[in-house]
Amino acid sequence: MLSGRGHEQAGTRPGMVVASANGLTTAIPLTTNANRLSFPHTFLLEPTKENGLSEPSVALVFQITACDDSRFKKMIGFIPAEKRSAIDGMLKSYFKLS
């Protein structure tokens, strides 16, 4: 992501891809700032070999964004189904879909 304004996330960071179509990828940015867990619609991801994270990271579900596919450098891993399910539940709550 390029320069952020206000409370927007900026800089190169991992993200969790939730959808991809028509040259755009929708992703949830991650941060290593554990203080962000105080916000609603956040989820802690501990590093594992499976997810490829190097340190505990917070999924900022409320900062979901769509970016051009060219902004994504590489895939580092996968989020296990039970954690994806919990994050999916937060997305439904955030968008008032449930």
C-alpha atoms as a PDB file:
ATOM      1  CA  MET A   1       0.000   0.000   0.000  1.00  0.00           C
ATOM      2  CA  LEU A   2       1.229   3.500  -0.680  1.00  0.00           C
ATOM      3  CA  SER A   3       0.990   6.475   1.642  1.00  0.00           C
ATOM      4  CA  GLY A   4      -1.820   6.275   4.180  1.00  0.00           C
ATOM      5  CA  ARG A   5      -3.823   9.148   5.561  1.00  0.00           C
ATOM      6  CA  GLY A   6      -5.302   9.469   9.018  1.00  0.00           C
ATOM      7  CA  HIS A   7      -5.905   5.978  10.373  1.00  0.00           C
ATOM      8  CA  GLU A   8      -5.295   4.191   7.055  1.00  0.00           C
ATOM      9  CA  GLN A   9      -2.655   1.460   6.922  1.00  0.00           C
ATOM     10  CA  ALA A  10       0.384   2.258   4.789  1.00  0.00           C
ATOM     11  CA  GLY A  11       3.611   0.613   3.748  1.00  0.00           C
ATOM     12  CA  THR A  12       4.505  -2.931   2.774  1.00  0.00           C
ATOM     13  CA  ARG A  13       2.836  -5.487   5.016  1.00  0.00           C
ATOM     14  CA  PRO A  14       1.301  -8.927   4.899  1.00  0.00           C
ATOM     15  CA  GLY A  15      -2.404  -9.240   4.271  1.00  0.00           C
ATOM     16  CA  MET A  16      -5.040 -11.946   4.202  1.00  0.00           C
ATOM     17  CA  VAL A  17      -6.645 -12.284   0.775  1.00  0.00           C
ATOM     18  CA  VAL A  18     -10.416 -12.696   0.974  1.00  0.00           C
ATOM     19  CA  ALA A  19     -11.376 -12.317  -2.717  1.00  0.00           C
ATOM     20  CA  SER A  20      -9.866 -11.741  -6.128  1.00  0.00           C
ATOM     21  CA  ALA A  21     -11.580 -10.820  -9.396  1.00  0.00           C
ATOM     22  CA  ASN A  22     -11.170  -8.539 -12.403  1.00  0.00           C
ATOM     23  CA  GLY A  23      -7.577  -7.584 -11.607  1.00  0.00           C
ATOM     24  CA  LEU A  24      -8.383  -6.541  -8.021  1.00  0.00           C
ATOM     25  CA  THR A  25      -7.638  -8.393  -4.815  1.00  0.00           C
ATOM     26  CA  THR A  26      -9.569  -7.694  -1.621  1.00  0.00           C
ATOM     27  CA  ALA A  27      -7.409  -8.168   1.456  1.00  0.00           C
ATOM     28  CA  ILE A  28      -7.325  -7.595   5.192  1.00  0.00           C
ATOM     29  CA  PRO A  29      -4.084  -5.851   6.219  1.00  0.00           C
ATOM     30  CA  LEU A  30      -2.044  -7.236   9.109  1.00  0.00           C
ATOM     31  CA  THR A  31      -0.009  -5.309  11.668  1.00  0.00           C
ATOM     32  CA  THR A  32       2.427  -6.363  14.368  1.00  0.00           C
ATOM     33  CA  ASN A  33       1.128  -3.594  16.650  1.00  0.00           C
ATOM     34  CA  ALA A  34      -0.641  -5.622  19.361  1.00  0.00           C
ATOM     35  CA  ASN A  35      -2.295  -2.448  20.688  1.00  0.00           C
ATOM     36  CA  ARG A  36      -4.631  -2.662  17.681  1.00  0.00           C
ATOM     37  CA  LEU A  37      -6.374  -5.598  19.371  1.00  0.00           C
ATOM     38  CA  SER A  38      -8.201  -2.967  21.432  1.00  0.00           C
ATOM     39  CA  PHE A  39     -10.231  -2.080  18.318  1.00  0.00           C
ATOM     40  CA  PRO A  40     -13.342  -4.073  17.395  1.00  0.00           C
ATOM     41  CA  HIS A  41     -13.119  -6.352  14.354  1.00  0.00           C
ATOM     42  CA  THR A  42      -9.497  -7.407  14.896  1.00  0.00           C
ATOM     43  CA  PHE A  43      -8.056 -10.906  15.222  1.00  0.00           C
ATOM     44  CA  LEU A  44      -4.709 -12.149  16.541  1.00  0.00           C
ATOM     45  CA  LEU A  45      -2.719 -14.509  14.321  1.00  0.00           C
ATOM     46  CA  GLU A  46       0.237 -16.256  15.940  1.00  0.00           C
ATOM     47  CA  PRO A  47       3.130 -17.147  13.604  1.00  0.00           C
ATOM     48  CA  THR A  48       3.212 -20.730  12.306  1.00  0.00           C
ATOM     49  CA  LYS A  49       5.015 -22.557   9.509  1.00  0.00           C
ATOM     50  CA  GLU A  50       1.636 -22.781   7.765  1.00  0.00           C
ATOM     51  CA  ASN A  51       0.893 -19.031   7.721  1.00  0.00           C
ATOM     52  CA  GLY A  52       4.488 -17.885   7.153  1.00  0.00           C
ATOM     53  CA  LEU A  53       4.265 -14.985   9.621  1.00  0.00           C
ATOM     54  CA  SER A  54       7.474 -14.156  11.478  1.00  0.00           C
ATOM     55  CA  GLU A  55       5.801 -12.554  14.513  1.00  0.00           C
ATOM     56  CA  PRO A  56       2.331 -12.248  16.080  1.00  0.00           C
ATOM     57  CA  SER A  57       0.116 -10.182  13.798  1.00  0.00           C
ATOM     58  CA  VAL A  58      -3.273  -8.534  14.118  1.00  0.00           C
ATOM     59  CA  ALA A  59      -5.751  -8.871  11.245  1.00  0.00           C
ATOM     60  CA  LEU A  60      -7.379  -5.453  10.865  1.00  0.00           C
ATOM     61  CA  VAL A  61     -10.722  -6.698   9.560  1.00  0.00           C
ATOM     62  CA  PHE A  62     -12.195  -3.180   9.735  1.00  0.00           C
ATOM     63  CA  GLN A  63      -9.478  -1.982   7.300  1.00  0.00           C
ATOM     64  CA  ILE A  64     -10.432  -4.400   4.484  1.00  0.00           C
ATOM     65  CA  THR A  65      -9.389  -2.931   1.147  1.00  0.00           C
ATOM     66  CA  ALA A  66      -9.233  -3.686  -2.572  1.00  0.00           C
ATOM     67  CA  CYS A  67      -5.926  -3.255  -4.408  1.00  0.00           C
ATOM     68  CA  ASP A  68      -4.670  -3.885  -7.912  1.00  0.00           C
ATOM     69  CA  ASP A  69      -3.218  -7.396  -8.221  1.00  0.00           C
ATOM     70  CA  SER A  70       0.191  -5.889  -9.066  1.00  0.00           C
ATOM     71  CA  ARG A  71       0.562  -4.588  -5.485  1.00  0.00           C
ATOM     72  CA  PHE A  72       0.919  -8.113  -4.106  1.00  0.00           C
ATOM     73  CA  LYS A  73       4.509  -9.368  -4.044  1.00  0.00           C
ATOM     74  CA  LYS A  74       4.273 -13.006  -2.959  1.00  0.00           C
ATOM     75  CA  MET A  75       2.225 -15.493  -0.998  1.00  0.00           C
ATOM     76  CA  ILE A  76       3.841 -16.367   2.330  1.00  0.00           C
ATOM     77  CA  GLY A  77       1.375 -18.961   3.633  1.00  0.00           C
ATOM     78  CA  PHE A  78      -2.164 -20.016   4.456  1.00  0.00           C
ATOM     79  CA  ILE A  79      -4.558 -19.233   7.307  1.00  0.00           C
ATOM     80  CA  PRO A  80      -6.108 -22.440   8.752  1.00  0.00           C
ATOM     81  CA  ALA A  81      -9.841 -22.996   8.190  1.00  0.00           C
ATOM     82  CA  GLU A  82     -10.887 -22.410  11.833  1.00  0.00           C
ATOM     83  CA  LYS A  83      -9.135 -19.018  11.941  1.00  0.00           C
ATOM     84  CA  ARG A  84     -10.492 -18.052   8.505  1.00  0.00           C
ATOM     85  CA  SER A  85     -13.955 -18.965   9.758  1.00  0.00           C
ATOM     86  CA  ALA A  86     -13.561 -16.666  12.774  1.00  0.00           C
ATOM     87  CA  ILE A  87     -12.375 -13.830  10.524  1.00  0.00           C
ATOM     88  CA  ASP A  88     -15.250 -14.507   8.093  1.00  0.00           C
ATOM     89  CA  GLY A  89     -17.621 -14.105  11.062  1.00  0.00           C
ATOM     90  CA  MET A  90     -16.046 -10.735  11.859  1.00  0.00           C
ATOM     91  CA  LEU A  91     -16.483  -9.653   8.232  1.00  0.00           C
ATOM     92  CA  LYS A  92     -20.174 -10.601   8.352  1.00  0.00           C
ATOM     93  CA  SER A  93     -20.569  -8.657  11.583  1.00  0.00           C
ATOM     94  CA  TYR A  94     -18.645  -5.633  10.260  1.00  0.00           C
ATOM     95  CA  PHE A  95     -20.749  -5.474   7.103  1.00  0.00           C
ATOM     96  CA  LYS A  96     -23.907  -6.328   9.094  1.00  0.00           C
ATOM     97  CA  LEU A  97     -24.530  -9.460   7.000  1.00  0.00           C
ATOM     98  CA  SER A  98     -25.553 -11.678   9.909  1.00  0.00           C
END
